[in-house]
Amino acid sequence: MAVLRRVFLVVGTLMVLMGLLWTGQGLGLIMWPSSSFMLGDPQWAIYGSITAAVGALLVWLGARNGGGSQ
């Protein structure tokens, strides 16, 4: 079970970071890389928000009861 928690935390954190990047690119706040097709496309802001929310859920699932031993 500890391995699954760790996987949730790592994958969830990466999803949150990726989702924030996509959201920033879609909103035109992050213009990197300059050749990205996502820049200024509001659809990617939606995709990024959904990805970040799912990642946050995974982080929450991995972190809950993380301090107790079972």
N, C-alpha and C. Protein backbone atom coordinates (compact mmCIF):
# COMPACT_ATOMS: atom_id res chain seq x y z
N MET A 1 0.82 -1.20 0.00
CA MET A 1 0.00 0.00 0.00
C MET A 1 0.86 1.27 0.00
N ALA A 2 2.03 1.19 0.65
CA ALA A 2 2.92 2.34 0.71
C ALA A 2 3.45 2.68 -0.68
N VAL A 3 3.67 1.66 -1.52
CA VAL A 3 4.15 1.90 -2.88
C VAL A 3 3.08 2.62 -3.69
N LEU A 4 1.84 2.22 -3.53
CA LEU A 4 0.74 2.87 -4.25
C LEU A 4 0.60 4.33 -3.83
N ARG A 5 0.75 4.61 -2.54
CA ARG A 5 0.69 6.00 -2.06
C ARG A 5 1.79 6.83 -2.71
N ARG A 6 2.98 6.27 -2.75
CA ARG A 6 4.11 6.99 -3.34
C ARG A 6 3.87 7.24 -4.83
N VAL A 7 3.34 6.26 -5.53
CA VAL A 7 3.03 6.42 -6.96
C VAL A 7 1.99 7.52 -7.14
N PHE A 8 0.95 7.52 -6.31
CA PHE A 8 -0.08 8.57 -6.39
C PHE A 8 0.54 9.94 -6.17
N LEU A 9 1.43 10.06 -5.19
CA LEU A 9 2.05 11.35 -4.90
C LEU A 9 2.92 11.84 -6.06
N VAL A 10 3.73 10.95 -6.61
CA VAL A 10 4.62 11.35 -7.70
C VAL A 10 3.84 11.67 -8.96
N VAL A 11 2.94 10.77 -9.36
CA VAL A 11 2.16 11.00 -10.58
C VAL A 11 1.24 12.21 -10.41
N GLY A 12 0.63 12.34 -9.25
CA GLY A 12 -0.24 13.48 -8.99
C GLY A 12 0.50 14.80 -9.04
N THR A 13 1.68 14.85 -8.46
CA THR A 13 2.48 16.08 -8.49
C THR A 13 2.86 16.44 -9.91
N LEU A 14 3.29 15.45 -10.69
CA LEU A 14 3.64 15.72 -12.09
C LEU A 14 2.42 16.20 -12.89
N MET A 15 1.25 15.61 -12.61
CA MET A 15 0.04 16.04 -13.31
C MET A 15 -0.34 17.47 -12.95
N VAL A 16 -0.19 17.84 -11.68
CA VAL A 16 -0.50 19.21 -11.27
C VAL A 16 0.43 20.19 -11.99
N LEU A 17 1.72 19.89 -12.00
CA LEU A 17 2.68 20.77 -12.67
C LEU A 17 2.41 20.87 -14.17
N MET A 18 2.13 19.74 -14.81
CA MET A 18 1.84 19.73 -16.23
C MET A 18 0.54 20.50 -16.52
N GLY A 19 -0.46 20.30 -15.68
CA GLY A 19 -1.73 21.00 -15.85
C GLY A 19 -1.59 22.50 -15.70
N LEU A 20 -0.77 22.93 -14.74
CA LEU A 20 -0.54 24.37 -14.56
C LEU A 20 0.19 24.96 -15.76
N LEU A 21 1.14 24.20 -16.32
CA LEU A 21 1.84 24.66 -17.52
C LEU A 21 0.86 24.79 -18.68
N TRP A 22 0.03 23.78 -18.89
CA TRP A 22 -0.94 23.83 -20.00
C TRP A 22 -1.92 24.98 -19.81
N THR A 23 -2.37 25.19 -18.58
CA THR A 23 -3.30 26.29 -18.31
C THR A 23 -2.64 27.63 -18.60
N GLY A 24 -1.41 27.80 -18.13
CA GLY A 24 -0.68 29.04 -18.39
C GLY A 24 -0.45 29.28 -19.87
N GLN A 25 -0.14 28.23 -20.60
CA GLN A 25 0.06 28.37 -22.05
C GLN A 25 -1.27 28.70 -22.74
N GLY A 26 -2.32 28.02 -22.35
CA GLY A 26 -3.62 28.26 -22.97
C GLY A 26 -4.14 29.67 -22.73
N LEU A 27 -3.83 30.22 -21.57
CA LEU A 27 -4.26 31.58 -21.24
C LEU A 27 -3.29 32.64 -21.77
N GLY A 28 -2.18 32.21 -22.32
CA GLY A 28 -1.20 33.15 -22.85
C GLY A 28 -0.32 33.76 -21.77
N LEU A 29 -0.29 33.16 -20.58
CA LEU A 29 0.54 33.67 -19.49
C LEU A 29 1.96 33.12 -19.57
N ILE A 30 2.09 31.92 -20.09
CA ILE A 30 3.40 31.28 -20.26
C ILE A 30 3.60 31.08 -21.76
N MET A 31 4.54 31.80 -22.32
CA MET A 31 4.77 31.73 -23.76
C MET A 31 6.03 30.92 -24.06
N TRP A 32 6.10 29.74 -23.47
CA TRP A 32 7.25 28.85 -23.64
C TRP A 32 6.75 27.44 -23.87
N PRO A 33 7.32 26.71 -24.75
CA PRO A 33 8.28 27.12 -25.79
C PRO A 33 7.58 27.93 -26.87
N SER A 34 8.31 28.75 -27.52
CA SER A 34 7.70 29.70 -28.47
C SER A 34 7.05 29.02 -29.67
N SER A 35 7.41 27.77 -29.92
CA SER A 35 6.82 27.06 -31.07
C SER A 35 5.63 26.19 -30.68
N SER A 36 5.17 26.27 -29.43
CA SER A 36 4.09 25.41 -28.96
C SER A 36 2.76 25.79 -29.61
N PHE A 37 2.00 24.77 -30.00
CA PHE A 37 0.68 24.99 -30.59
C PHE A 37 -0.37 25.34 -29.55
N MET A 38 -0.04 25.23 -28.28
CA MET A 38 -1.00 25.49 -27.20
C MET A 38 -1.09 26.96 -26.81
N LEU A 39 -0.14 27.76 -27.24
CA LEU A 39 -0.07 29.15 -26.79
C LEU A 39 -1.30 29.94 -27.21
N GLY A 40 -1.96 30.53 -26.24
CA GLY A 40 -3.11 31.38 -26.50
C GLY A 40 -4.37 30.63 -26.91
N ASP A 41 -4.39 29.31 -26.76
CA ASP A 41 -5.57 28.51 -27.13
C ASP A 41 -6.34 28.17 -25.86
N PRO A 42 -7.51 28.79 -25.66
CA PRO A 42 -8.26 28.59 -24.41
C PRO A 42 -8.66 27.13 -24.15
N GLN A 43 -8.74 26.32 -25.18
CA GLN A 43 -9.08 24.91 -24.98
C GLN A 43 -8.02 24.23 -24.10
N TRP A 44 -6.75 24.63 -24.26
CA TRP A 44 -5.68 24.04 -23.46
C TRP A 44 -5.73 24.51 -22.02
N ALA A 45 -6.31 25.66 -21.78
CA ALA A 45 -6.51 26.11 -20.39
C ALA A 45 -7.52 25.18 -19.70
N ILE A 46 -8.52 24.75 -20.44
CA ILE A 46 -9.51 23.81 -19.88
C ILE A 46 -8.87 22.46 -19.63
N TYR A 47 -8.14 21.94 -20.63
CA TYR A 47 -7.45 20.66 -20.46
C TYR A 47 -6.48 20.71 -19.28
N GLY A 48 -5.76 21.80 -19.17
CA GLY A 48 -4.80 21.95 -18.08
C GLY A 48 -5.46 22.00 -16.72
N SER A 49 -6.58 22.69 -16.63
CA SER A 49 -7.31 22.77 -15.36
C SER A 49 -7.80 21.39 -14.93
N ILE A 50 -8.32 20.64 -15.88
CA ILE A 50 -8.81 19.28 -15.57
C ILE A 50 -7.64 18.40 -15.15
N THR A 51 -6.53 18.47 -15.87
CA THR A 51 -5.35 17.66 -15.54
C THR A 51 -4.83 18.02 -14.14
N ALA A 52 -4.76 19.30 -13.82
CA ALA A 52 -4.28 19.73 -12.51
C ALA A 52 -5.24 19.26 -11.41
N ALA A 53 -6.54 19.29 -11.67
CA ALA A 53 -7.51 18.86 -10.66
C ALA A 53 -7.39 17.35 -10.40
N VAL A 54 -7.24 16.57 -11.45
CA VAL A 54 -7.06 15.12 -11.28
C VAL A 54 -5.75 14.84 -10.53
N GLY A 55 -4.71 15.58 -10.87
CA GLY A 55 -3.44 15.43 -10.17
C GLY A 55 -3.56 15.78 -8.70
N ALA A 56 -4.29 16.84 -8.39
CA ALA A 56 -4.50 17.22 -6.99
C ALA A 56 -5.27 16.14 -6.24
N LEU A 57 -6.22 15.52 -6.91
CA LEU A 57 -6.96 14.41 -6.29
C LEU A 57 -6.02 13.24 -5.98
N LEU A 58 -5.12 12.92 -6.91
CA LEU A 58 -4.16 11.85 -6.68
C LEU A 58 -3.22 12.19 -5.52
N VAL A 59 -2.78 13.44 -5.46
CA VAL A 59 -1.92 13.85 -4.34
C VAL A 59 -2.68 13.72 -3.03
N TRP A 60 -3.92 14.13 -3.02
CA TRP A 60 -4.73 14.03 -1.80
C TRP A 60 -4.90 12.56 -1.39
N LEU A 61 -5.18 11.69 -2.38
CA LEU A 61 -5.35 10.28 -2.05
C LEU A 61 -4.04 9.66 -1.54
N GLY A 62 -2.93 10.09 -2.11
CA GLY A 62 -1.64 9.56 -1.67
C GLY A 62 -1.22 10.10 -0.32
N ALA A 63 -1.66 11.30 0.03
CA ALA A 63 -1.22 11.93 1.27
C ALA A 63 -2.12 11.57 2.47
N ARG A 64 -3.35 11.22 2.21
CA ARG A 64 -4.24 10.96 3.35
C ARG A 64 -3.81 9.67 4.05
N ASN A 65 -3.84 9.71 5.32
CA ASN A 65 -3.38 8.60 6.19
C ASN A 65 -1.93 8.22 5.89
N GLY A 66 -1.17 9.14 5.33
CA GLY A 66 0.22 8.84 5.02
C GLY A 66 1.11 8.75 6.24
N GLY A 67 0.73 9.41 7.33
CA GLY A 67 1.57 9.44 8.52
C GLY A 67 1.38 8.23 9.41
N GLY A 68 0.27 7.57 9.31
CA GLY A 68 0.01 6.42 10.19
C GLY A 68 0.60 5.15 9.64
N SER A 69 0.90 4.21 10.53
CA SER A 69 1.41 2.91 10.09
C SER A 69 0.28 1.90 10.15
N GLN A 70 0.23 1.05 9.13
CA GLN A 70 -0.83 0.05 9.09
C GLN A 70 -0.28 -1.30 8.80
